Amino acid sequence: MSDYEIGVYNKHVRETIRNGDDWDEEQSGISKDFENVLYFPIRNASSILEVEERSARSFPSSQGYVIDYIRLVGRTE
């Protein structure tokens, strides 16, 4: 098993804010912080495929989330 770090942003948030409009966090349920890449740990994954699957459940592309990168940060025995 390995530990990974993912970087995630939201394309809808990014586009809205960068076009100069306000993002409505209450209505969307998505923080305006997702304009930028935010980093999250994914622990004890057996493969990058598992990381992608787990990430997709937490950050669905249908809601505008983009997984910017996946990085291996350590292996566990």
C-alpha atoms as a PDB file:
ATOM      1  CA  MET A   1       0.000   0.000   0.000  1.00  0.00           C
ATOM      2  CA  SER A   2       1.098   3.540  -0.675  1.00  0.00           C
ATOM      3  CA  ASP A   3       0.214   7.064   0.331  1.00  0.00           C
ATOM      4  CA  TYR A   4      -0.485   9.668  -2.307  1.00  0.00           C
ATOM      5  CA  GLU A   5      -1.275  13.362  -2.521  1.00  0.00           C
ATOM      6  CA  ILE A   6      -3.747  14.753  -5.029  1.00  0.00           C
ATOM      7  CA  GLY A   7      -4.209  18.289  -6.265  1.00  0.00           C
ATOM      8  CA  VAL A   8      -7.792  19.301  -7.069  1.00  0.00           C
ATOM      9  CA  TYR A   9      -9.487  22.434  -8.384  1.00  0.00           C
ATOM     10  CA  ASN A  10     -12.983  23.181  -9.643  1.00  0.00           C
ATOM     11  CA  LYS A  11     -13.267  24.448 -13.204  1.00  0.00           C
ATOM     12  CA  HIS A  12     -16.630  26.149 -12.588  1.00  0.00           C
ATOM     13  CA  VAL A  13     -15.319  28.061  -9.570  1.00  0.00           C
ATOM     14  CA  ARG A  14     -12.128  28.991 -11.399  1.00  0.00           C
ATOM     15  CA  GLU A  15     -13.918  30.210 -14.514  1.00  0.00           C
ATOM     16  CA  THR A  16     -16.501  32.225 -12.567  1.00  0.00           C
ATOM     17  CA  ILE A  17     -13.999  33.989 -10.339  1.00  0.00           C
ATOM     18  CA  ARG A  18     -11.469  34.624 -13.088  1.00  0.00           C
ATOM     19  CA  ASN A  19     -14.205  36.179 -15.212  1.00  0.00           C
ATOM     20  CA  GLY A  20     -14.741  38.665 -12.387  1.00  0.00           C
ATOM     21  CA  ASP A  21     -18.010  37.239 -11.107  1.00  0.00           C
ATOM     22  CA  ASP A  22     -18.852  36.245  -7.549  1.00  0.00           C
ATOM     23  CA  TRP A  23     -19.047  32.566  -6.605  1.00  0.00           C
ATOM     24  CA  ASP A  24     -22.035  31.608  -4.449  1.00  0.00           C
ATOM     25  CA  GLU A  25     -20.690  29.048  -1.987  1.00  0.00           C
ATOM     26  CA  GLU A  26     -24.022  28.611  -0.217  1.00  0.00           C
ATOM     27  CA  GLN A  27     -25.958  27.810  -3.368  1.00  0.00           C
ATOM     28  CA  SER A  28     -23.303  25.577  -4.925  1.00  0.00           C
ATOM     29  CA  GLY A  29     -21.989  23.904  -1.780  1.00  0.00           C
ATOM     30  CA  ILE A  30     -18.458  24.302  -3.161  1.00  0.00           C
ATOM     31  CA  SER A  31     -15.890  26.576  -1.542  1.00  0.00           C
ATOM     32  CA  LYS A  32     -14.427  29.418  -3.579  1.00  0.00           C
ATOM     33  CA  ASP A  33     -11.039  28.120  -2.408  1.00  0.00           C
ATOM     34  CA  PHE A  34     -11.343  25.549  -5.203  1.00  0.00           C
ATOM     35  CA  GLU A  35     -10.424  28.296  -7.684  1.00  0.00           C
ATOM     36  CA  ASN A  36      -6.883  27.214  -6.856  1.00  0.00           C
ATOM     37  CA  VAL A  37      -5.418  23.746  -6.553  1.00  0.00           C
ATOM     38  CA  LEU A  38      -6.031  22.296  -3.098  1.00  0.00           C
ATOM     39  CA  TYR A  39      -4.056  19.335  -1.808  1.00  0.00           C
ATOM     40  CA  PHE A  40      -5.476  16.223  -0.159  1.00  0.00           C
ATOM     41  CA  PRO A  41      -3.891  13.007   1.115  1.00  0.00           C
ATOM     42  CA  ILE A  42      -5.027   9.627  -0.135  1.00  0.00           C
ATOM     43  CA  ARG A  43      -3.776   6.990   2.282  1.00  0.00           C
ATOM     44  CA  ASN A  44      -3.247   3.259   1.861  1.00  0.00           C
ATOM     45  CA  ALA A  45      -4.004   2.967  -1.840  1.00  0.00           C
ATOM     46  CA  SER A  46      -2.878  -0.104  -3.743  1.00  0.00           C
ATOM     47  CA  SER A  47      -2.422   1.717  -7.075  1.00  0.00           C
ATOM     48  CA  ILE A  48      -2.872   4.975  -8.937  1.00  0.00           C
ATOM     49  CA  LEU A  49      -6.077   3.497 -10.365  1.00  0.00           C
ATOM     50  CA  GLU A  50      -7.437   3.155  -6.838  1.00  0.00           C
ATOM     51  CA  VAL A  51      -6.408   6.750  -6.110  1.00  0.00           C
ATOM     52  CA  GLU A  52      -8.264   7.907  -9.233  1.00  0.00           C
ATOM     53  CA  GLU A  53     -11.383   5.959  -8.262  1.00  0.00           C
ATOM     54  CA  ARG A  54     -11.396   7.249  -4.680  1.00  0.00           C
ATOM     55  CA  SER A  55     -10.722  10.798  -5.866  1.00  0.00           C
ATOM     56  CA  ALA A  56     -13.586  10.627  -8.362  1.00  0.00           C
ATOM     57  CA  ARG A  57     -15.997   9.672  -5.577  1.00  0.00           C
ATOM     58  CA  SER A  58     -14.897  12.595  -3.403  1.00  0.00           C
ATOM     59  CA  PHE A  59     -14.459  15.107  -6.224  1.00  0.00           C
ATOM     60  CA  PRO A  60     -16.813  14.177  -9.094  1.00  0.00           C
ATOM     61  CA  SER A  61     -15.981  15.618 -12.502  1.00  0.00           C
ATOM     62  CA  SER A  62     -19.726  16.049 -13.065  1.00  0.00           C
ATOM     63  CA  GLN A  63     -19.575  18.834 -10.460  1.00  0.00           C
ATOM     64  CA  GLY A  64     -16.608  20.497 -12.156  1.00  0.00           C
ATOM     65  CA  TYR A  65     -13.757  19.029 -10.120  1.00  0.00           C
ATOM     66  CA  VAL A  66     -10.472  18.413 -11.899  1.00  0.00           C
ATOM     67  CA  ILE A  67      -7.728  16.190 -10.505  1.00  0.00           C
ATOM     68  CA  ASP A  68      -4.693  18.271 -11.446  1.00  0.00           C
ATOM     69  CA  TYR A  69      -2.097  15.764 -10.301  1.00  0.00           C
ATOM     70  CA  ILE A  70      -1.414  12.637  -8.282  1.00  0.00           C
ATOM     71  CA  ARG A  71       1.874  12.224  -6.434  1.00  0.00           C
ATOM     72  CA  LEU A  72       3.276   9.244  -4.560  1.00  0.00           C
ATOM     73  CA  VAL A  73       4.442  10.388  -1.121  1.00  0.00           C
ATOM     74  CA  GLY A  74       5.312   7.126   0.610  1.00  0.00           C
ATOM     75  CA  ARG A  75       4.942   3.408   0.822  1.00  0.00           C
ATOM     76  CA  THR A  76       3.631   1.525   3.811  1.00  0.00           C
ATOM     77  CA  GLU A  77       4.486  -2.048   4.640  1.00  0.00           C
END
